[in-house]
Amino acid sequence: MADAQVLGATGKVTLDPAVFGARLNRTLIHESVRAELNARRQGTAASKSRGEVSGGGAKPWRQKGTGRARAGSSRSPLWTGGGTIFGPEPRHYLSKVNRKERRAAMRSALSVHADRGSVAVLDVAAFENPSTKAAAALIDGWKAEGPVLVVLGADEGQAARSFRNLPVATVLPASEVGVADVVRAGRLLASEAALAELTGRLGSVERAGEAAA
């Protein structure tokens, strides 16, 4: 079983092996990260074709006798201000990954952090009053390196205010953490409430399968 040190206090927390002891599945992680990043795209990029650009109704000059190339419309894609050939159109980038696969990918990503020793538990009692200075000192004292993903519970706003201004930290509630966020982070710092929420959400499928067996 993997353990996580408690930052801001002494002791360690034993991580649930059903969540932090999963086998690495690169394919599921890749599919989940791609689906999450695609879902964040707006898909509103658009351009006008030559039929949608205003103007250009009259032929710029007569067909013959000018010495210039033939031209039928000033809205041709060859002209400045003309339409766009095969330009972007509004679309959606959604790709489907079912819930079971998403949870398996999250367990796999969290297990990588557990194997590396880059998971720690935050003692939120030390942040009853917001203190960015204390948060920075806490992270600086952590032996692991890389950007930090701070995962907190819904009622831990004081701790969130302490970490949110740090350039190295990204603060998210446990309910909004995705696989892409975990993969991007070099270190994972979670409060006990957030850790319990993640474990309960991700370990439920595993335990349900064991109960059925």
N, C-alpha and C. Protein backbone atom coordinates (compact mmCIF):
# COMPACT_ATOMS: atom_id res chain seq x y z
N MET A 1 0.83 -1.20 0.00
CA MET A 1 0.00 0.00 0.00
C MET A 1 0.87 1.25 0.00
N ALA A 2 0.44 2.25 -0.76
CA ALA A 2 1.18 3.49 -0.83
C ALA A 2 0.73 4.43 0.28
N ASP A 3 1.66 5.23 0.74
CA ASP A 3 1.38 6.23 1.77
C ASP A 3 1.62 7.61 1.21
N ALA A 4 0.96 8.59 1.82
CA ALA A 4 1.15 9.99 1.45
C ALA A 4 1.46 10.78 2.70
N GLN A 5 2.49 11.59 2.64
CA GLN A 5 2.83 12.41 3.79
C GLN A 5 1.82 13.53 3.96
N VAL A 6 1.69 13.99 5.20
CA VAL A 6 0.77 15.08 5.52
C VAL A 6 1.58 16.36 5.62
N LEU A 7 1.28 17.32 4.76
CA LEU A 7 1.97 18.60 4.80
C LEU A 7 1.25 19.53 5.76
N GLY A 8 2.01 20.19 6.62
CA GLY A 8 1.42 21.07 7.62
C GLY A 8 1.19 20.38 8.94
N ALA A 9 1.47 19.07 8.99
CA ALA A 9 1.32 18.30 10.22
C ALA A 9 2.25 17.09 10.13
N THR A 10 2.25 16.28 11.15
CA THR A 10 3.08 15.09 11.14
C THR A 10 2.24 13.86 10.81
N GLY A 11 2.90 12.81 10.36
CA GLY A 11 2.22 11.57 10.08
C GLY A 11 2.03 11.32 8.60
N LYS A 12 1.44 10.17 8.30
CA LYS A 12 1.17 9.77 6.93
C LYS A 12 -0.25 9.23 6.82
N VAL A 13 -0.76 9.24 5.60
CA VAL A 13 -2.10 8.72 5.32
C VAL A 13 -1.95 7.56 4.35
N THR A 14 -2.59 6.45 4.65
CA THR A 14 -2.56 5.29 3.75
C THR A 14 -3.55 5.51 2.61
N LEU A 15 -3.08 5.37 1.39
CA LEU A 15 -3.91 5.58 0.21
C LEU A 15 -4.64 4.30 -0.14
N ASP A 16 -5.87 4.44 -0.58
CA ASP A 16 -6.69 3.29 -0.94
C ASP A 16 -6.08 2.60 -2.16
N PRO A 17 -5.71 1.32 -2.05
CA PRO A 17 -5.08 0.63 -3.19
C PRO A 17 -6.03 0.47 -4.38
N ALA A 18 -7.35 0.52 -4.14
CA ALA A 18 -8.30 0.40 -5.26
C ALA A 18 -8.24 1.62 -6.16
N VAL A 19 -7.78 2.75 -5.61
CA VAL A 19 -7.71 4.00 -6.38
C VAL A 19 -6.28 4.35 -6.74
N PHE A 20 -5.36 4.15 -5.81
CA PHE A 20 -3.97 4.56 -6.01
C PHE A 20 -3.03 3.39 -6.28
N GLY A 21 -3.60 2.22 -6.56
CA GLY A 21 -2.76 1.07 -6.86
C GLY A 21 -3.16 0.39 -8.15
N ALA A 22 -3.73 1.16 -9.06
CA ALA A 22 -4.20 0.59 -10.33
C ALA A 22 -3.05 0.44 -11.32
N ARG A 23 -3.28 -0.42 -12.30
CA ARG A 23 -2.28 -0.64 -13.35
C ARG A 23 -2.29 0.54 -14.32
N LEU A 24 -1.12 0.91 -14.82
CA LEU A 24 -1.02 2.01 -15.77
C LEU A 24 -1.63 1.60 -17.11
N ASN A 25 -2.58 2.39 -17.58
CA ASN A 25 -3.22 2.15 -18.87
C ASN A 25 -3.09 3.43 -19.70
N ARG A 26 -2.05 3.48 -20.51
CA ARG A 26 -1.77 4.69 -21.28
C ARG A 26 -2.87 4.99 -22.29
N THR A 27 -3.46 3.97 -22.86
CA THR A 27 -4.50 4.19 -23.87
C THR A 27 -5.72 4.89 -23.27
N LEU A 28 -6.18 4.41 -22.11
CA LEU A 28 -7.33 5.04 -21.47
C LEU A 28 -7.02 6.46 -21.04
N ILE A 29 -5.81 6.68 -20.53
CA ILE A 29 -5.43 8.03 -20.12
C ILE A 29 -5.43 8.97 -21.32
N HIS A 30 -4.86 8.51 -22.43
CA HIS A 30 -4.82 9.34 -23.63
C HIS A 30 -6.22 9.67 -24.13
N GLU A 31 -7.09 8.69 -24.20
CA GLU A 31 -8.45 8.92 -24.69
C GLU A 31 -9.21 9.88 -23.77
N SER A 32 -9.03 9.73 -22.47
CA SER A 32 -9.74 10.58 -21.52
C SER A 32 -9.23 12.01 -21.57
N VAL A 33 -7.91 12.17 -21.65
CA VAL A 33 -7.34 13.52 -21.73
C VAL A 33 -7.78 14.21 -23.02
N ARG A 34 -7.76 13.49 -24.13
CA ARG A 34 -8.19 14.07 -25.39
C ARG A 34 -9.66 14.49 -25.34
N ALA A 35 -10.50 13.63 -24.74
CA ALA A 35 -11.92 13.95 -24.64
C ALA A 35 -12.16 15.18 -23.76
N GLU A 36 -11.43 15.28 -22.66
CA GLU A 36 -11.60 16.43 -21.77
C GLU A 36 -11.13 17.73 -22.43
N LEU A 37 -9.98 17.68 -23.09
CA LEU A 37 -9.48 18.89 -23.74
C LEU A 37 -10.36 19.29 -24.91
N ASN A 38 -10.88 18.31 -25.65
CA ASN A 38 -11.79 18.63 -26.74
C ASN A 38 -13.09 19.25 -26.22
N ALA A 39 -13.55 18.79 -25.08
CA ALA A 39 -14.79 19.34 -24.51
C ALA A 39 -14.62 20.79 -24.08
N ARG A 40 -13.39 21.21 -23.83
CA ARG A 40 -13.14 22.59 -23.42
C ARG A 40 -13.05 23.55 -24.61
N ARG A 41 -12.98 23.01 -25.81
CA ARG A 41 -12.89 23.86 -27.00
C ARG A 41 -14.27 24.43 -27.32
N GLN A 42 -14.32 25.68 -27.72
CA GLN A 42 -15.58 26.33 -28.02
C GLN A 42 -16.13 25.91 -29.38
N GLY A 43 -15.26 25.70 -30.33
CA GLY A 43 -15.72 25.29 -31.65
C GLY A 43 -16.49 26.38 -32.38
N THR A 44 -16.15 27.65 -32.12
CA THR A 44 -16.87 28.76 -32.73
C THR A 44 -16.10 29.42 -33.88
N ALA A 45 -14.93 28.89 -34.22
CA ALA A 45 -14.15 29.49 -35.31
C ALA A 45 -14.94 29.37 -36.61
N ALA A 46 -14.98 30.46 -37.37
CA ALA A 46 -15.76 30.47 -38.61
C ALA A 46 -15.14 31.44 -39.60
N SER A 47 -15.41 31.22 -40.87
CA SER A 47 -14.98 32.12 -41.93
C SER A 47 -16.05 32.16 -43.00
N LYS A 48 -15.97 33.12 -43.90
CA LYS A 48 -16.98 33.28 -44.94
C LYS A 48 -16.44 32.79 -46.28
N SER A 49 -17.28 32.06 -46.98
CA SER A 49 -16.92 31.64 -48.34
C SER A 49 -17.19 32.80 -49.29
N ARG A 50 -16.85 32.63 -50.56
CA ARG A 50 -17.05 33.71 -51.52
C ARG A 50 -18.53 34.05 -51.71
N GLY A 51 -19.40 33.10 -51.40
CA GLY A 51 -20.82 33.36 -51.51
C GLY A 51 -21.38 34.10 -50.33
N GLU A 52 -20.63 34.20 -49.23
CA GLU A 52 -21.10 34.86 -48.02
C GLU A 52 -20.49 36.24 -47.82
N VAL A 53 -19.42 36.56 -48.54
CA VAL A 53 -18.78 37.86 -48.41
C VAL A 53 -19.62 38.89 -49.16
N SER A 54 -19.85 40.03 -48.53
CA SER A 54 -20.67 41.06 -49.17
C SER A 54 -19.91 41.72 -50.32
N GLY A 55 -20.67 42.19 -51.32
CA GLY A 55 -20.08 42.88 -52.47
C GLY A 55 -19.69 41.91 -53.55
N GLY A 56 -19.03 42.43 -54.57
CA GLY A 56 -18.53 41.57 -55.63
C GLY A 56 -19.56 41.16 -56.65
N GLY A 57 -20.70 41.85 -56.67
CA GLY A 57 -21.72 41.45 -57.62
C GLY A 57 -21.39 41.82 -59.07
N ALA A 58 -20.69 42.93 -59.25
CA ALA A 58 -20.37 43.39 -60.60
C ALA A 58 -19.02 42.83 -61.06
N LYS A 59 -18.92 42.56 -62.32
CA LYS A 59 -17.65 42.09 -62.88
C LYS A 59 -16.65 43.25 -62.82
N PRO A 60 -15.46 43.04 -62.26
CA PRO A 60 -14.51 44.16 -62.06
C PRO A 60 -14.15 44.88 -63.35
N TRP A 61 -13.92 44.17 -64.42
CA TRP A 61 -13.64 44.77 -65.73
C TRP A 61 -14.09 43.81 -66.82
N ARG A 62 -14.12 44.33 -68.03
CA ARG A 62 -14.62 43.51 -69.11
C ARG A 62 -13.71 42.31 -69.36
N GLN A 63 -14.27 41.32 -70.03
CA GLN A 63 -13.58 40.05 -70.18
C GLN A 63 -12.30 40.18 -71.00
N LYS A 64 -12.34 40.96 -72.06
CA LYS A 64 -11.19 41.02 -72.97
C LYS A 64 -10.74 42.46 -73.20
N GLY A 65 -9.52 42.59 -73.64
CA GLY A 65 -9.03 43.88 -74.10
C GLY A 65 -8.33 44.71 -73.06
N THR A 66 -8.27 44.29 -71.81
CA THR A 66 -7.61 45.12 -70.80
C THR A 66 -6.16 44.71 -70.57
N GLY A 67 -5.78 43.52 -71.04
CA GLY A 67 -4.42 43.02 -70.78
C GLY A 67 -4.28 42.36 -69.43
N ARG A 68 -5.34 42.38 -68.66
CA ARG A 68 -5.28 41.76 -67.33
C ARG A 68 -5.99 40.40 -67.35
N ALA A 69 -5.76 39.65 -66.34
CA ALA A 69 -6.38 38.33 -66.24
C ALA A 69 -7.89 38.48 -66.09
N ARG A 70 -8.61 37.47 -66.53
CA ARG A 70 -10.05 37.48 -66.39
C ARG A 70 -10.46 37.50 -64.92
N ALA A 71 -11.49 38.24 -64.59
CA ALA A 71 -11.99 38.32 -63.22
C ALA A 71 -13.50 38.45 -63.27
N GLY A 72 -14.17 37.61 -62.52
CA GLY A 72 -15.63 37.65 -62.50
C GLY A 72 -16.19 38.29 -61.25
N SER A 73 -15.40 38.31 -60.16
CA SER A 73 -15.88 38.88 -58.90
C SER A 73 -14.70 39.33 -58.06
N SER A 74 -14.86 40.45 -57.38
CA SER A 74 -13.81 40.93 -56.47
C SER A 74 -13.83 40.17 -55.14
N ARG A 75 -14.80 39.26 -54.98
CA ARG A 75 -14.87 38.46 -53.76
C ARG A 75 -14.24 37.09 -53.95
N SER A 76 -13.51 36.92 -55.03
CA SER A 76 -12.81 35.66 -55.28
C SER A 76 -11.79 35.40 -54.17
N PRO A 77 -11.56 34.16 -53.80
CA PRO A 77 -10.55 33.86 -52.77
C PRO A 77 -9.15 34.34 -53.15
N LEU A 78 -8.92 34.62 -54.44
CA LEU A 78 -7.61 35.10 -54.87
C LEU A 78 -7.42 36.59 -54.56
N TRP A 79 -8.50 37.28 -54.27
CA TRP A 79 -8.44 38.72 -54.04
C TRP A 79 -8.40 39.03 -52.55
N THR A 80 -7.75 40.16 -52.22
CA THR A 80 -7.78 40.64 -50.85
C THR A 80 -9.21 41.01 -50.47
N GLY A 81 -9.66 40.52 -49.36
CA GLY A 81 -11.03 40.77 -48.93
C GLY A 81 -12.02 39.77 -49.49
N GLY A 82 -11.52 38.78 -50.24
CA GLY A 82 -12.40 37.77 -50.81
C GLY A 82 -12.74 36.68 -49.81
N GLY A 83 -13.47 35.70 -50.30
CA GLY A 83 -13.87 34.60 -49.43
C GLY A 83 -12.72 33.66 -49.11
N THR A 84 -13.00 32.71 -48.24
CA THR A 84 -11.99 31.74 -47.82
C THR A 84 -12.34 30.36 -48.39
N ILE A 85 -11.33 29.69 -48.90
CA ILE A 85 -11.53 28.35 -49.42
C ILE A 85 -11.35 27.35 -48.28
N PHE A 86 -12.35 26.49 -48.08
CA PHE A 86 -12.29 25.44 -47.06
C PHE A 86 -11.90 26.00 -45.69
N GLY A 87 -12.46 27.14 -45.33
CA GLY A 87 -12.17 27.74 -44.03
C GLY A 87 -12.88 27.02 -42.90
N PRO A 88 -12.55 27.37 -41.65
CA PRO A 88 -13.19 26.72 -40.50
C PRO A 88 -14.67 27.07 -40.41
N GLU A 89 -15.45 26.14 -39.94
CA GLU A 89 -16.88 26.34 -39.71
C GLU A 89 -17.19 25.93 -38.28
N PRO A 90 -18.21 26.52 -37.67
CA PRO A 90 -18.58 26.11 -36.31
C PRO A 90 -18.85 24.62 -36.22
N ARG A 91 -18.28 23.99 -35.21
CA ARG A 91 -18.42 22.55 -35.05
C ARG A 91 -18.18 22.20 -33.59
N HIS A 92 -18.46 20.99 -33.23
CA HIS A 92 -18.14 20.52 -31.88
C HIS A 92 -17.04 19.47 -31.98
N TYR A 93 -16.24 19.41 -30.94
CA TYR A 93 -15.09 18.50 -30.91
C TYR A 93 -15.29 17.36 -29.92
N LEU A 94 -16.50 17.16 -29.48
CA LEU A 94 -16.76 16.17 -28.44
C LEU A 94 -16.42 14.76 -28.92
N SER A 95 -15.77 14.02 -28.04
CA SER A 95 -15.53 12.60 -28.28
C SER A 95 -15.97 11.85 -27.02
N LYS A 96 -16.63 10.75 -27.20
CA LYS A 96 -17.26 10.05 -26.08
C LYS A 96 -16.30 9.07 -25.41
N VAL A 97 -16.22 9.17 -24.10
CA VAL A 97 -15.54 8.18 -23.27
C VAL A 97 -16.50 7.83 -22.15
N ASN A 98 -16.86 6.57 -22.02
CA ASN A 98 -17.88 6.23 -21.03
C ASN A 98 -17.34 6.37 -19.61
N ARG A 99 -18.27 6.39 -18.66
CA ARG A 99 -17.92 6.68 -17.28
C ARG A 99 -16.96 5.65 -16.69
N LYS A 100 -17.15 4.40 -17.01
CA LYS A 100 -16.26 3.36 -16.48
C LYS A 100 -14.83 3.57 -16.96
N GLU A 101 -14.66 3.94 -18.22
CA GLU A 101 -13.32 4.20 -18.76
C GLU A 101 -12.70 5.44 -18.14
N ARG A 102 -13.52 6.50 -17.95
CA ARG A 102 -13.00 7.72 -17.33
C ARG A 102 -12.50 7.45 -15.92
N ARG A 103 -13.25 6.67 -15.17
CA ARG A 103 -12.83 6.37 -13.81
C ARG A 103 -11.58 5.51 -13.79
N ALA A 104 -11.49 4.56 -14.71
CA ALA A 104 -10.30 3.72 -14.78
C ALA A 104 -9.08 4.56 -15.16
N ALA A 105 -9.27 5.53 -16.06
CA ALA A 105 -8.17 6.41 -16.45
C ALA A 105 -7.73 7.29 -15.29
N MET A 106 -8.69 7.77 -14.50
CA MET A 106 -8.35 8.60 -13.34
C MET A 106 -7.58 7.78 -12.30
N ARG A 107 -8.03 6.55 -12.05
CA ARG A 107 -7.30 5.70 -11.11
C ARG A 107 -5.89 5.42 -11.59
N SER A 108 -5.74 5.22 -12.89
CA SER A 108 -4.41 4.96 -13.45
C SER A 108 -3.51 6.18 -13.28
N ALA A 109 -4.04 7.39 -13.55
CA ALA A 109 -3.25 8.61 -13.43
C ALA A 109 -2.87 8.88 -11.97
N LEU A 110 -3.81 8.65 -11.06
CA LEU A 110 -3.52 8.85 -9.64
C LEU A 110 -2.49 7.84 -9.15
N SER A 111 -2.54 6.63 -9.68
CA SER A 111 -1.59 5.59 -9.27
C SER A 111 -0.17 5.93 -9.69
N VAL A 112 -0.02 6.62 -10.82
CA VAL A 112 1.31 7.06 -11.26
C VAL A 112 1.90 8.02 -10.23
N HIS A 113 1.07 8.96 -9.75
CA HIS A 113 1.55 9.88 -8.71
C HIS A 113 1.91 9.13 -7.43
N ALA A 114 1.10 8.14 -7.08
CA ALA A 114 1.40 7.37 -5.86
C ALA A 114 2.72 6.62 -6.00
N ASP A 115 2.97 6.05 -7.18
CA ASP A 115 4.23 5.33 -7.40
C ASP A 115 5.43 6.27 -7.33
N ARG A 116 5.24 7.49 -7.81
CA ARG A 116 6.35 8.46 -7.82
C ARG A 116 6.55 9.12 -6.47
N GLY A 117 5.60 8.97 -5.59
CA GLY A 117 5.69 9.65 -4.30
C GLY A 117 5.37 11.13 -4.40
N SER A 118 4.58 11.50 -5.41
CA SER A 118 4.25 12.91 -5.62
C SER A 118 2.83 13.24 -5.16
N VAL A 119 2.30 12.45 -4.21
CA VAL A 119 1.00 12.71 -3.61
C VAL A 119 1.21 13.07 -2.15
N ALA A 120 0.54 14.12 -1.70
CA ALA A 120 0.61 14.52 -0.30
C ALA A 120 -0.78 14.97 0.15
N VAL A 121 -0.99 14.91 1.45
CA VAL A 121 -2.26 15.32 2.04
C VAL A 121 -2.06 16.65 2.75
N LEU A 122 -2.99 17.56 2.54
CA LEU A 122 -2.91 18.90 3.13
C LEU A 122 -3.72 18.96 4.41
N ASP A 123 -3.09 19.48 5.46
CA ASP A 123 -3.79 19.71 6.73
C ASP A 123 -4.41 21.10 6.65
N VAL A 124 -5.69 21.17 6.34
CA VAL A 124 -6.35 22.48 6.15
C VAL A 124 -6.51 23.23 7.45
N ALA A 125 -6.33 22.57 8.59
CA ALA A 125 -6.45 23.27 9.87
C ALA A 125 -5.39 24.36 9.99
N ALA A 126 -4.30 24.23 9.27
CA ALA A 126 -3.24 25.24 9.32
C ALA A 126 -3.61 26.48 8.53
N PHE A 127 -4.74 26.44 7.81
CA PHE A 127 -5.14 27.57 6.97
C PHE A 127 -6.54 28.05 7.34
N GLU A 128 -6.76 28.18 8.65
CA GLU A 128 -8.04 28.74 9.09
C GLU A 128 -8.16 30.20 8.63
N ASN A 129 -7.02 30.86 8.55
CA ASN A 129 -6.95 32.21 7.98
C ASN A 129 -6.11 32.14 6.72
N PRO A 130 -6.58 32.73 5.61
CA PRO A 130 -5.82 32.65 4.35
C PRO A 130 -4.42 33.22 4.50
N SER A 131 -3.43 32.51 3.97
CA SER A 131 -2.05 32.96 4.02
C SER A 131 -1.29 32.40 2.82
N THR A 132 -1.08 33.24 1.82
CA THR A 132 -0.32 32.81 0.66
C THR A 132 1.13 32.53 1.03
N LYS A 133 1.65 33.29 1.98
CA LYS A 133 3.03 33.09 2.43
C LYS A 133 3.20 31.70 3.05
N ALA A 134 2.25 31.30 3.87
CA ALA A 134 2.32 29.97 4.48
C ALA A 134 2.16 28.88 3.43
N ALA A 135 1.30 29.11 2.45
CA ALA A 135 1.12 28.12 1.39
C ALA A 135 2.39 27.96 0.56
N ALA A 136 3.05 29.07 0.26
CA ALA A 136 4.30 29.01 -0.50
C ALA A 136 5.39 28.28 0.28
N ALA A 137 5.46 28.54 1.57
CA ALA A 137 6.46 27.86 2.41
C ALA A 137 6.18 26.36 2.48
N LEU A 138 4.90 26.00 2.51
CA LEU A 138 4.53 24.59 2.57
C LEU A 138 4.97 23.86 1.31
N ILE A 139 4.73 24.47 0.15
CA ILE A 139 5.10 23.84 -1.11
C ILE A 139 6.61 23.81 -1.28
N ASP A 140 7.28 24.88 -0.87
CA ASP A 140 8.75 24.93 -0.98
C ASP A 140 9.41 23.84 -0.14
N GLY A 141 8.78 23.47 0.95
CA GLY A 141 9.35 22.44 1.82
C GLY A 141 9.07 21.03 1.35
N TRP A 142 8.29 20.89 0.28
CA TRP A 142 7.96 19.58 -0.27
C TRP A 142 9.09 19.12 -1.17
N LYS A 143 9.57 17.92 -0.97
CA LYS A 143 10.72 17.44 -1.72
C LYS A 143 10.40 17.21 -3.20
N ALA A 144 9.18 16.84 -3.52
CA ALA A 144 8.81 16.62 -4.92
C ALA A 144 8.84 17.93 -5.70
N GLU A 145 8.95 17.83 -7.01
CA GLU A 145 9.06 19.02 -7.85
C GLU A 145 7.98 19.02 -8.92
N GLY A 146 7.78 20.20 -9.51
CA GLY A 146 6.83 20.34 -10.60
C GLY A 146 5.61 21.15 -10.18
N PRO A 147 4.76 21.50 -11.14
CA PRO A 147 3.54 22.24 -10.82
C PRO A 147 2.63 21.43 -9.90
N VAL A 148 1.92 22.14 -9.04
CA VAL A 148 1.12 21.49 -8.01
C VAL A 148 -0.37 21.63 -8.32
N LEU A 149 -1.08 20.52 -8.26
CA LEU A 149 -2.53 20.53 -8.34
C LEU A 149 -3.06 20.39 -6.92
N VAL A 150 -3.73 21.43 -6.44
CA VAL A 150 -4.28 21.44 -5.09
C VAL A 150 -5.77 21.10 -5.19
N VAL A 151 -6.16 19.98 -4.60
CA VAL A 151 -7.54 19.51 -4.66
C VAL A 151 -8.15 19.67 -3.27
N LEU A 152 -9.26 20.40 -3.22
CA LEU A 152 -9.87 20.72 -1.93
C LEU A 152 -11.34 20.35 -1.93
N GLY A 153 -11.90 20.28 -0.73
CA GLY A 153 -13.32 20.02 -0.56
C GLY A 153 -14.13 21.28 -0.80
N ALA A 154 -15.44 21.13 -0.83
CA ALA A 154 -16.32 22.25 -1.15
C ALA A 154 -16.30 23.32 -0.07
N ASP A 155 -16.02 22.96 1.17
CA ASP A 155 -16.07 23.91 2.29
C ASP A 155 -14.70 24.38 2.75
N GLU A 156 -13.71 24.26 1.88
CA GLU A 156 -12.33 24.63 2.27
C GLU A 156 -11.85 25.85 1.50
N GLY A 157 -12.68 26.89 1.53
CA GLY A 157 -12.37 28.10 0.80
C GLY A 157 -11.17 28.86 1.33
N GLN A 158 -10.94 28.79 2.63
CA GLN A 158 -9.79 29.51 3.20
C GLN A 158 -8.48 28.96 2.66
N ALA A 159 -8.39 27.65 2.57
CA ALA A 159 -7.18 27.04 2.00
C ALA A 159 -7.07 27.37 0.52
N ALA A 160 -8.19 27.41 -0.18
CA ALA A 160 -8.16 27.74 -1.61
C ALA A 160 -7.63 29.15 -1.83
N ARG A 161 -8.02 30.09 -0.99
CA ARG A 161 -7.52 31.46 -1.11
C ARG A 161 -6.02 31.53 -0.84
N SER A 162 -5.52 30.62 -0.03
CA SER A 162 -4.09 30.63 0.30
C SER A 162 -3.23 30.18 -0.87
N PHE A 163 -3.75 29.25 -1.68
CA PHE A 163 -2.94 28.66 -2.75
C PHE A 163 -3.21 29.25 -4.13
N ARG A 164 -4.35 29.91 -4.31
CA ARG A 164 -4.77 30.27 -5.67
C ARG A 164 -3.89 31.32 -6.33
N ASN A 165 -3.15 32.11 -5.54
CA ASN A 165 -2.30 33.15 -6.12
C ASN A 165 -0.87 32.68 -6.40
N LEU A 166 -0.58 31.43 -6.09
CA LEU A 166 0.76 30.91 -6.34
C LEU A 166 0.89 30.50 -7.80
N PRO A 167 1.91 30.99 -8.52
CA PRO A 167 2.06 30.64 -9.94
C PRO A 167 2.25 29.16 -10.18
N VAL A 168 2.80 28.46 -9.20
CA VAL A 168 3.11 27.04 -9.38
C VAL A 168 1.91 26.15 -9.07
N ALA A 169 0.84 26.72 -8.53
CA ALA A 169 -0.28 25.92 -8.05
C ALA A 169 -1.55 26.17 -8.85
N THR A 170 -2.33 25.12 -9.03
CA THR A 170 -3.67 25.18 -9.60
C THR A 170 -4.63 24.60 -8.58
N VAL A 171 -5.65 25.35 -8.23
CA VAL A 171 -6.59 24.93 -7.19
C VAL A 171 -7.91 24.52 -7.84
N LEU A 172 -8.38 23.32 -7.52
CA LEU A 172 -9.64 22.81 -8.05
C LEU A 172 -10.41 22.08 -6.96
N PRO A 173 -11.73 22.18 -6.98
CA PRO A 173 -12.52 21.33 -6.07
C PRO A 173 -12.47 19.88 -6.54
N ALA A 174 -12.65 18.97 -5.63
CA ALA A 174 -12.54 17.55 -5.96
C ALA A 174 -13.57 17.14 -7.01
N SER A 175 -14.71 17.80 -7.04
CA SER A 175 -15.76 17.43 -7.98
C SER A 175 -15.43 17.81 -9.42
N GLU A 176 -14.44 18.70 -9.62
CA GLU A 176 -14.12 19.18 -10.96
C GLU A 176 -12.78 18.70 -11.49
N VAL A 177 -12.09 17.87 -10.75
CA VAL A 177 -10.77 17.39 -11.17
C VAL A 177 -10.94 16.37 -12.29
N GLY A 178 -10.20 16.58 -13.38
CA GLY A 178 -10.24 15.65 -14.50
C GLY A 178 -8.92 14.94 -14.68
N VAL A 179 -8.91 13.98 -15.57
CA VAL A 179 -7.68 13.23 -15.84
C VAL A 179 -6.60 14.15 -16.40
N ALA A 180 -6.98 15.09 -17.26
CA ALA A 180 -6.00 16.02 -17.84
C ALA A 180 -5.33 16.85 -16.76
N ASP A 181 -6.09 17.26 -15.74
CA ASP A 181 -5.51 18.05 -14.65
C ASP A 181 -4.49 17.23 -13.86
N VAL A 182 -4.81 15.98 -13.62
CA VAL A 182 -3.90 15.11 -12.86
C VAL A 182 -2.64 14.81 -13.66
N VAL A 183 -2.80 14.58 -14.96
CA VAL A 183 -1.64 14.26 -15.81
C VAL A 183 -0.73 15.47 -15.94
N ARG A 184 -1.32 16.66 -16.05
CA ARG A 184 -0.51 17.87 -16.22
C ARG A 184 0.30 18.21 -14.97
N ALA A 185 -0.21 17.84 -13.81
CA ALA A 185 0.43 18.21 -12.55
C ALA A 185 1.67 17.36 -12.28
N GLY A 186 2.69 18.01 -11.75
CA GLY A 186 3.87 17.28 -11.31
C GLY A 186 3.72 16.76 -9.89
N ARG A 187 2.84 17.43 -9.11
CA ARG A 187 2.58 17.03 -7.74
C ARG A 187 1.08 17.16 -7.46
N LEU A 188 0.59 16.32 -6.60
CA LEU A 188 -0.83 16.32 -6.24
C LEU A 188 -0.95 16.51 -4.75
N LEU A 189 -1.61 17.60 -4.36
CA LEU A 189 -1.82 17.92 -2.95
C LEU A 189 -3.33 17.97 -2.69
N ALA A 190 -3.82 17.09 -1.86
CA ALA A 190 -5.26 16.99 -1.61
C ALA A 190 -5.53 17.05 -0.12
N SER A 191 -6.61 17.71 0.22
CA SER A 191 -7.04 17.70 1.61
C SER A 191 -7.66 16.35 1.93
N GLU A 192 -7.85 16.08 3.22
CA GLU A 192 -8.44 14.79 3.61
C GLU A 192 -9.86 14.67 3.08
N ALA A 193 -10.61 15.77 3.07
CA ALA A 193 -11.98 15.73 2.56
C ALA A 193 -11.99 15.46 1.05
N ALA A 194 -11.08 16.12 0.33
CA ALA A 194 -11.00 15.90 -1.12
C ALA A 194 -10.54 14.49 -1.43
N LEU A 195 -9.59 14.00 -0.65
CA LEU A 195 -9.09 12.63 -0.86
C LEU A 195 -10.20 11.62 -0.62
N ALA A 196 -11.01 11.85 0.42
CA ALA A 196 -12.12 10.95 0.70
C ALA A 196 -13.16 10.99 -0.42
N GLU A 197 -13.39 12.19 -0.98
CA GLU A 197 -14.36 12.31 -2.07
C GLU A 197 -13.87 11.59 -3.33
N LEU A 198 -12.60 11.77 -3.66
CA LEU A 198 -12.04 11.08 -4.82
C LEU A 198 -12.06 9.57 -4.63
N THR A 199 -11.67 9.12 -3.44
CA THR A 199 -11.64 7.69 -3.16
C THR A 199 -13.04 7.08 -3.22
N GLY A 200 -14.01 7.80 -2.68
CA GLY A 200 -15.38 7.29 -2.70
C GLY A 200 -15.94 7.22 -4.11
N ARG A 201 -15.60 8.21 -4.94
CA ARG A 201 -16.13 8.23 -6.30
C ARG A 201 -15.46 7.20 -7.19
N LEU A 202 -14.16 7.06 -7.06
CA LEU A 202 -13.41 6.19 -7.96
C LEU A 202 -13.34 4.75 -7.46
N GLY A 203 -13.47 4.56 -6.16
CA GLY A 203 -13.37 3.20 -5.63
C GLY A 203 -14.69 2.47 -5.62
N SER A 204 -15.78 3.19 -5.89
CA SER A 204 -17.10 2.56 -5.82
C SER A 204 -17.28 1.48 -6.86
N VAL A 205 -16.77 1.73 -8.09
CA VAL A 205 -16.91 0.74 -9.16
C VAL A 205 -16.14 -0.51 -8.83
N GLU A 206 -14.93 -0.33 -8.32
CA GLU A 206 -14.08 -1.48 -7.97
C GLU A 206 -14.73 -2.33 -6.89
N ARG A 207 -15.28 -1.67 -5.87
CA ARG A 207 -15.89 -2.41 -4.76
C ARG A 207 -17.18 -3.09 -5.22
N ALA A 208 -17.92 -2.42 -6.13
CA ALA A 208 -19.14 -3.03 -6.62
C ALA A 208 -18.83 -4.32 -7.38
N GLY A 209 -17.72 -4.31 -8.15
CA GLY A 209 -17.32 -5.51 -8.88
C GLY A 209 -16.91 -6.62 -7.94
N GLU A 210 -16.23 -6.27 -6.86
CA GLU A 210 -15.81 -7.28 -5.89
C GLU A 210 -17.03 -7.89 -5.20
N ALA A 211 -18.04 -7.03 -4.90
CA ALA A 211 -19.23 -7.52 -4.23
C ALA A 211 -20.01 -8.48 -5.12
N ALA A 212 -20.06 -8.17 -6.42
CA ALA A 212 -20.77 -9.03 -7.37
C ALA A 212 -20.09 -10.38 -7.50
N ALA A 213 -18.74 -10.38 -7.43
CA ALA A 213 -18.00 -11.63 -7.52
C ALA A 213 -18.23 -12.49 -6.29
